[in-house]
């Protein structure tokens, strides 16, 4: 084997290793972002439920509109 083919093989291995490392980092970042979005969604739902319980509709169940 000549020197160029050995260095080319090592370069390919290095590129493959770097690509795998970057892919793993991207997956971790996406997983963290998804976790944050789910937590934010849960907090938003809880605040909506609390607001609904704290301020119910002013005429809910008190007035019935009927036409005959």
PDB file of N, CA and C in Angstrom:
ATOM      1  N   UNK A   1       0.842  -1.181   0.000  1.00  0.00           N
ATOM      2  CA  UNK A   1       0.000   0.000   0.000  1.00  0.00           C
ATOM      3  C   UNK A   1       0.889   1.247   0.000  1.00  0.00           C
ATOM      4  N   UNK A   2       0.421   2.225  -0.690  1.00  0.00           N
ATOM      5  CA  UNK A   2       1.185   3.464  -0.665  1.00  0.00           C
ATOM      6  C   UNK A   2       0.651   4.407   0.405  1.00  0.00           C
ATOM      7  N   UNK A   3       1.374   5.477   0.627  1.00  0.00           N
ATOM      8  CA  UNK A   3       1.048   6.411   1.702  1.00  0.00           C
ATOM      9  C   UNK A   3      -0.300   7.099   1.468  1.00  0.00           C
ATOM     10  N   UNK A   4      -0.627   7.407   0.226  1.00  0.00           N
ATOM     11  CA  UNK A   4      -1.886   8.105  -0.053  1.00  0.00           C
ATOM     12  C   UNK A   4      -3.096   7.255   0.282  1.00  0.00           C
ATOM     13  N   UNK A   5      -3.043   5.988  -0.016  1.00  0.00           N
ATOM     14  CA  UNK A   5      -4.193   5.131   0.281  1.00  0.00           C
ATOM     15  C   UNK A   5      -4.371   4.944   1.788  1.00  0.00           C
ATOM     16  N   UNK A   6      -3.263   4.862   2.529  1.00  0.00           N
ATOM     17  CA  UNK A   6      -3.346   4.730   3.995  1.00  0.00           C
ATOM     18  C   UNK A   6      -3.932   5.998   4.599  1.00  0.00           C
ATOM     19  N   UNK A   7      -3.440   7.144   4.151  1.00  0.00           N
ATOM     20  CA  UNK A   7      -3.951   8.411   4.681  1.00  0.00           C
ATOM     21  C   UNK A   7      -5.403   8.616   4.259  1.00  0.00           C
ATOM     22  N   UNK A   8      -5.768   8.188   3.054  1.00  0.00           N
ATOM     23  CA  UNK A   8      -7.152   8.304   2.602  1.00  0.00           C
ATOM     24  C   UNK A   8      -8.081   7.466   3.448  1.00  0.00           C
ATOM     25  N   UNK A   9      -7.660   6.256   3.803  1.00  0.00           N
ATOM     26  CA  UNK A   9      -8.472   5.385   4.653  1.00  0.00           C
ATOM     27  C   UNK A   9      -8.625   5.987   6.044  1.00  0.00           C
ATOM     28  N   UNK A  10      -7.555   6.543   6.578  1.00  0.00           N
ATOM     29  CA  UNK A  10      -7.630   7.166   7.901  1.00  0.00           C
ATOM     30  C   UNK A  10      -8.525   8.396   7.875  1.00  0.00           C
ATOM     31  N   UNK A  11      -8.454   9.152   6.786  1.00  0.00           N
ATOM     32  CA  UNK A  11      -9.314  10.327   6.657  1.00  0.00           C
ATOM     33  C   UNK A  11     -10.783   9.924   6.596  1.00  0.00           C
ATOM     34  N   UNK A  12     -11.077   8.861   5.857  1.00  0.00           N
ATOM     35  CA  UNK A  12     -12.458   8.370   5.793  1.00  0.00           C
ATOM     36  C   UNK A  12     -12.953   7.922   7.153  1.00  0.00           C
ATOM     37  N   UNK A  13     -12.108   7.238   7.909  1.00  0.00           N
ATOM     38  CA  UNK A  13     -12.494   6.802   9.253  1.00  0.00           C
ATOM     39  C   UNK A  13     -12.734   7.996  10.171  1.00  0.00           C
ATOM     40  N   UNK A  14     -11.879   8.994  10.064  1.00  0.00           N
ATOM     41  CA  UNK A  14     -12.038  10.196  10.879  1.00  0.00           C
ATOM     42  C   UNK A  14     -13.329  10.922  10.526  1.00  0.00           C
ATOM     43  N   UNK A  15     -13.631  11.053   9.240  1.00  0.00           N
ATOM     44  CA  UNK A  15     -14.871  11.708   8.818  1.00  0.00           C
ATOM     45  C   UNK A  15     -16.086  10.942   9.324  1.00  0.00           C
ATOM     46  N   UNK A  16     -16.025   9.626   9.256  1.00  0.00           N
ATOM     47  CA  UNK A  16     -17.129   8.798   9.732  1.00  0.00           C
ATOM     48  C   UNK A  16     -17.340   8.991  11.236  1.00  0.00           C
ATOM     49  N   UNK A  17     -16.239   9.014  11.971  1.00  0.00           N
ATOM     50  CA  UNK A  17     -16.315   9.206  13.425  1.00  0.00           C
ATOM     51  C   UNK A  17     -16.898  10.572  13.771  1.00  0.00           C
ATOM     52  N   UNK A  18     -16.460  11.603  13.078  1.00  0.00           N
ATOM     53  CA  UNK A  18     -16.966  12.956  13.326  1.00  0.00           C
ATOM     54  C   UNK A  18     -18.450  13.033  12.975  1.00  0.00           C
ATOM     55  N   UNK A  19     -18.855  12.426  11.857  1.00  0.00           N
ATOM     56  CA  UNK A  19     -20.261  12.435  11.463  1.00  0.00           C
ATOM     57  C   UNK A  19     -21.133  11.738  12.494  1.00  0.00           C
ATOM     58  N   UNK A  20     -20.677  10.602  13.009  1.00  0.00           N
ATOM     59  CA  UNK A  20     -21.438   9.895  14.039  1.00  0.00           C
ATOM     60  C   UNK A  20     -21.546  10.724  15.319  1.00  0.00           C
ATOM     61  N   UNK A  21     -20.457  11.380  15.680  1.00  0.00           N
ATOM     62  CA  UNK A  21     -20.465  12.219  16.875  1.00  0.00           C
ATOM     63  C   UNK A  21     -21.443  13.385  16.715  1.00  0.00           C
ATOM     64  N   UNK A  22     -21.426  14.006  15.546  1.00  0.00           N
ATOM     65  CA  UNK A  22     -22.349  15.118  15.306  1.00  0.00           C
ATOM     66  C   UNK A  22     -23.795  14.641  15.295  1.00  0.00           C
ATOM     67  N   UNK A  23     -24.050  13.481  14.727  1.00  0.00           N
ATOM     68  CA  UNK A  23     -25.401  12.926  14.706  1.00  0.00           C
ATOM     69  C   UNK A  23     -25.903  12.674  16.127  1.00  0.00           C
ATOM     70  N   UNK A  24     -25.030  12.142  16.962  1.00  0.00           N
ATOM     71  CA  UNK A  24     -25.407  11.876  18.355  1.00  0.00           C
ATOM     72  C   UNK A  24     -25.713  13.175  19.093  1.00  0.00           C
ATOM     73  N   UNK A  25     -24.906  14.208  18.858  1.00  0.00           N
ATOM     74  CA  UNK A  25     -25.144  15.505  19.498  1.00  0.00           C
ATOM     75  C   UNK A  25     -26.478  16.100  19.038  1.00  0.00           C
ATOM     76  N   UNK A  26     -26.772  15.986  17.751  1.00  0.00           N
ATOM     77  CA  UNK A  26     -28.033  16.520  17.221  1.00  0.00           C
ATOM     78  C   UNK A  26     -29.218  15.778  17.822  1.00  0.00           C
ATOM     79  N   UNK A  27     -29.114  14.463  17.941  1.00  0.00           N
ATOM     80  CA  UNK A  27     -30.206  13.683  18.531  1.00  0.00           C
ATOM     81  C   UNK A  27     -30.431  14.089  19.987  1.00  0.00           C
ATOM     82  N   UNK A  28     -29.356  14.301  20.730  1.00  0.00           N
ATOM     83  CA  UNK A  28     -29.488  14.729  22.128  1.00  0.00           C
ATOM     84  C   UNK A  28     -30.141  16.102  22.221  1.00  0.00           C
ATOM     85  N   UNK A  29     -29.754  17.004  21.315  1.00  0.00           N
ATOM     86  CA  UNK A  29     -30.340  18.344  21.305  1.00  0.00           C
ATOM     87  C   UNK A  29     -31.829  18.277  20.992  1.00  0.00           C
ATOM     88  N   UNK A  30     -32.193  17.459  20.015  1.00  0.00           N
ATOM     89  CA  UNK A  30     -33.600  17.331  19.654  1.00  0.00           C
ATOM     90  C   UNK A  30     -34.408  16.695  20.777  1.00  0.00           C
ATOM     91  N   UNK A  31     -33.836  15.723  21.455  1.00  0.00           N
ATOM     92  CA  UNK A  31     -34.528  15.094  22.582  1.00  0.00           C
ATOM     93  C   UNK A  31     -34.738  16.104  23.702  1.00  0.00           C
ATOM     94  N   UNK A  32     -33.742  16.929  23.974  1.00  0.00           N
ATOM     95  CA  UNK A  32     -33.884  17.950  25.010  1.00  0.00           C
ATOM     96  C   UNK A  32     -34.942  18.978  24.622  1.00  0.00           C
ATOM     97  N   UNK A  33     -34.973  19.360  23.356  1.00  0.00           N
ATOM     98  CA  UNK A  33     -35.978  20.322  22.896  1.00  0.00           C
ATOM     99  C   UNK A  33     -37.383  19.738  22.997  1.00  0.00           C
ATOM    100  N   UNK A  34     -37.531  18.475  22.652  1.00  0.00           N
ATOM    101  CA  UNK A  34     -38.844  17.830  22.751  1.00  0.00           C
ATOM    102  C   UNK A  34     -39.294  17.741  24.204  1.00  0.00           C
ATOM    103  N   UNK A  35     -38.386  17.428  25.091  1.00  0.00           N
ATOM    104  CA  UNK A  35     -38.719  17.362  26.517  1.00  0.00           C
ATOM    105  C   UNK A  35     -39.169  18.731  27.029  1.00  0.00           C
ATOM    106  N   UNK A  36     -38.468  19.772  26.634  1.00  0.00           N
ATOM    107  CA  UNK A  36     -38.829  21.129  27.038  1.00  0.00           C
ATOM    108  C   UNK A  36     -40.206  21.503  26.500  1.00  0.00           C
ATOM    109  N   UNK A  37     -40.479  21.161  25.254  1.00  0.00           N
ATOM    110  CA  UNK A  37     -41.786  21.480  24.666  1.00  0.00           C
ATOM    111  C   UNK A  37     -42.912  20.759  25.404  1.00  0.00           C
ATOM    112  N   UNK A  38     -42.695  19.500  25.765  1.00  0.00           N
ATOM    113  CA  UNK A  38     -43.720  18.744  26.493  1.00  0.00           C
ATOM    114  C   UNK A  38     -43.948  19.350  27.873  1.00  0.00           C
ATOM    115  N   UNK A  39     -42.878  19.733  28.552  1.00  0.00           N
ATOM    116  CA  UNK A  39     -43.023  20.354  29.871  1.00  0.00           C
ATOM    117  C   UNK A  39     -43.760  21.688  29.766  1.00  0.00           C
ATOM    118  N   UNK A  40     -43.419  22.490  28.757  1.00  0.00           N
ATOM    119  CA  UNK A  40     -44.101  23.771  28.559  1.00  0.00           C
ATOM    120  C   UNK A  40     -45.574  23.559  28.251  1.00  0.00           C
ATOM    121  N   UNK A  41     -45.878  22.550  27.448  1.00  0.00           N
ATOM    122  CA  UNK A  41     -47.264  22.254  27.115  1.00  0.00           C
ATOM    123  C   UNK A  41     -48.041  21.850  28.368  1.00  0.00           C
ATOM    124  N   UNK A  42     -47.424  21.026  29.198  1.00  0.00           N
ATOM    125  CA  UNK A  42     -48.068  20.595  30.440  1.00  0.00           C
ATOM    126  C   UNK A  42     -48.339  21.785  31.349  1.00  0.00           C
ATOM    127  N   UNK A  43     -47.374  22.681  31.476  1.00  0.00           N
ATOM    128  CA  UNK A  43     -47.559  23.870  32.312  1.00  0.00           C
ATOM    129  C   UNK A  43     -48.653  24.772  31.748  1.00  0.00           C
ATOM    130  N   UNK A  44     -48.709  24.900  30.427  1.00  0.00           N
ATOM    131  CA  UNK A  44     -49.751  25.725  29.806  1.00  0.00           C
ATOM    132  C   UNK A  44     -51.128  25.128  30.067  1.00  0.00           C
ATOM    133  N   UNK A  45     -51.244  23.818  29.944  1.00  0.00           N
ATOM    134  CA  UNK A  45     -52.524  23.162  30.206  1.00  0.00           C
ATOM    135  C   UNK A  45     -52.955  23.349  31.658  1.00  0.00           C
ATOM    136  N   UNK A  46     -52.015  23.248  32.584  1.00  0.00           N
ATOM    137  CA  UNK A  46     -52.341  23.431  33.996  1.00  0.00           C
ATOM    138  C   UNK A  46     -52.780  24.860  34.274  1.00  0.00           C
ATOM    139  N   UNK A  47     -52.124  25.831  33.668  1.00  0.00           N
ATOM    140  CA  UNK A  47     -52.509  27.225  33.901  1.00  0.00           C
ATOM    141  C   UNK A  47     -53.878  27.520  33.290  1.00  0.00           C
ATOM    142  N   UNK A  48     -54.189  26.903  32.166  1.00  0.00           N
ATOM    143  CA  UNK A  48     -55.520  27.078  31.560  1.00  0.00           C
ATOM    144  C   UNK A  48     -56.589  26.477  32.453  1.00  0.00           C
ATOM    145  N   UNK A  49     -56.321  25.292  33.000  1.00  0.00           N
ATOM    146  CA  UNK A  49     -57.294  24.659  33.892  1.00  0.00           C
ATOM    147  C   UNK A  49     -57.495  25.490  35.160  1.00  0.00           C
ATOM    148  N   UNK A  50     -56.428  26.043  35.690  1.00  0.00           N
ATOM    149  CA  UNK A  50     -56.548  26.869  36.889  1.00  0.00           C
ATOM    150  C   UNK A  50     -57.317  28.144  36.595  1.00  0.00           C
ATOM    151  N   UNK A  51     -57.087  28.734  35.437  1.00  0.00           N
ATOM    152  CA  UNK A  51     -57.801  29.956  35.070  1.00  0.00           C
ATOM    153  C   UNK A  51     -59.277  29.663  34.865  1.00  0.00           C
ATOM    154  N   UNK A  52     -59.589  28.525  34.296  1.00  0.00           N
ATOM    155  CA  UNK A  52     -60.984  28.148  34.071  1.00  0.00           C
ATOM    156  C   UNK A  52     -61.698  27.915  35.389  1.00  0.00           C
ATOM    157  N   UNK A  53     -61.032  27.288  36.328  1.00  0.00           N
ATOM    158  CA  UNK A  53     -61.645  27.033  37.630  1.00  0.00           C
ATOM    159  C   UNK A  53     -61.781  28.313  38.441  1.00  0.00           C
ATOM    160  N   UNK A  54     -60.844  29.224  38.289  1.00  0.00           N
ATOM    161  CA  UNK A  54     -60.872  30.461  39.060  1.00  0.00           C
ATOM    162  C   UNK A  54     -61.924  31.438  38.544  1.00  0.00           C
ATOM    163  N   UNK A  55     -62.170  31.436  37.247  1.00  0.00           N
ATOM    164  CA  UNK A  55     -63.124  32.369  36.661  1.00  0.00           C
ATOM    165  C   UNK A  55     -64.095  31.623  35.745  1.00  0.00           C
ATOM    166  N   UNK A  56     -65.111  30.998  36.335  1.00  0.00           N
ATOM    167  CA  UNK A  56     -66.067  30.269  35.505  1.00  0.00           C
ATOM    168  C   UNK A  56     -66.912  31.236  34.665  1.00  0.00           C
ATOM    169  N   UNK A  57     -67.601  30.702  33.712  1.00  0.00           N
ATOM    170  CA  UNK A  57     -68.463  31.506  32.856  1.00  0.00           C
ATOM    171  C   UNK A  57     -69.526  32.196  33.708  1.00  0.00           C
ATOM    172  N   UNK A  58     -69.799  33.490  33.479  1.00  0.00           N
ATOM    173  CA  UNK A  58     -70.691  34.244  34.376  1.00  0.00           C
ATOM    174  C   UNK A  58     -72.145  33.762  34.385  1.00  0.00           C
ATOM    175  N   UNK A  59     -72.626  33.206  33.304  1.00  0.00           N
ATOM    176  CA  UNK A  59     -74.034  32.783  33.300  1.00  0.00           C
ATOM    177  C   UNK A  59     -74.196  31.284  33.063  1.00  0.00           C
ATOM    178  N   UNK A  60     -73.159  30.542  33.254  1.00  0.00           N
ATOM    179  CA  UNK A  60     -73.194  29.115  33.011  1.00  0.00           C
ATOM    180  C   UNK A  60     -74.185  28.425  33.948  1.00  0.00           C
ATOM    181  N   UNK A  61     -75.210  27.819  33.379  1.00  0.00           N
ATOM    182  CA  UNK A  61     -76.191  27.087  34.140  1.00  0.00           C
ATOM    183  C   UNK A  61     -77.239  27.943  34.824  1.00  0.00           C
ATOM    184  N   UNK A  62     -77.240  29.257  34.612  1.00  0.00           N
ATOM    185  CA  UNK A  62     -78.181  30.155  35.275  1.00  0.00           C
ATOM    186  C   UNK A  62     -79.260  30.645  34.328  1.00  0.00           C
ATOM    187  N   UNK A  63     -78.936  30.766  33.045  1.00  0.00           N
ATOM    188  CA  UNK A  63     -79.871  31.326  32.091  1.00  0.00           C
ATOM    189  C   UNK A  63     -80.046  30.324  30.932  1.00  0.00           C
ATOM    190  N   UNK A  64     -81.309  30.111  30.554  1.00  0.00           N
ATOM    191  CA  UNK A  64     -81.599  29.240  29.423  1.00  0.00           C
ATOM    192  C   UNK A  64     -82.343  30.053  28.385  1.00  0.00           C
ATOM    193  N   UNK A  65     -81.852  30.066  27.162  1.00  0.00           N
ATOM    194  CA  UNK A  65     -82.529  30.754  26.066  1.00  0.00           C
ATOM    195  C   UNK A  65     -83.428  29.758  25.341  1.00  0.00           C
ATOM    196  N   UNK A  66     -84.738  30.099  25.258  1.00  0.00           N
ATOM    197  CA  UNK A  66     -85.699  29.218  24.567  1.00  0.00           C
ATOM    198  C   UNK A  66     -86.588  30.023  23.678  1.00  0.00           C
ATOM    199  N   UNK A  67     -86.919  29.461  22.524  1.00  0.00           N
ATOM    200  CA  UNK A  67     -87.907  30.053  21.642  1.00  0.00           C
ATOM    201  C   UNK A  67     -89.009  29.043  21.429  1.00  0.00           C
ATOM    202  N   UNK A  68     -90.245  29.545  21.477  1.00  0.00           N
ATOM    203  CA  UNK A  68     -91.386  28.645  21.281  1.00  0.00           C
ATOM    204  C   UNK A  68     -92.121  29.046  20.024  1.00  0.00           C
TER     205      UNK A  68
END
